[in-house]
Amino acid sequence: MKTTIQTSDNSIKKILIIGLSRSFHETILNIISDSIECEVVILPYSDDFIEKITEYKPNLIILTTHRYFHLTNAIKSYPQTSKLPIFILSTSASIEEFEKYEANDYLSKPIDVFKFVNKIENLIK
């Protein structure tokens, strides 16, 4: 059963996935789509990522590769994106990295689907 999570103006929540692995992103997209009614967009990394984030206006950003964890600090430093929750999903994520990169939550791969969905729901409510 899907959970529908809407904003205060009754629009559907938006999740943005940033990383490298297209096949892994498709898996994440399918897990989210099967569990939560929301819009999910996969964004390959680019130099204008802040512009793309502000255009899309997501309710949550999921970073799926260690290579881009530094983006959390950049995202949190811009006034228009500073309050966006960021979720780190990686084989190398640790509590120390989670704190260092100012993410709102994290989960190590391989993912526990129930935990993942629960954490996502809590971050976008």
Foldseek 3Di string as FASTA:
>chain_A
DAAFDADPVRHGAEEEEEEDDPVVVVVVVVLNVVHYPHHYDYDYDDPCVLVVCLVVVGQEYEYEDPVCLLVLVVQLVDPSRVPRAYEYEEQPDDPVSCVVSVHPYYDYPPDDSVVVNVVVVVSRD
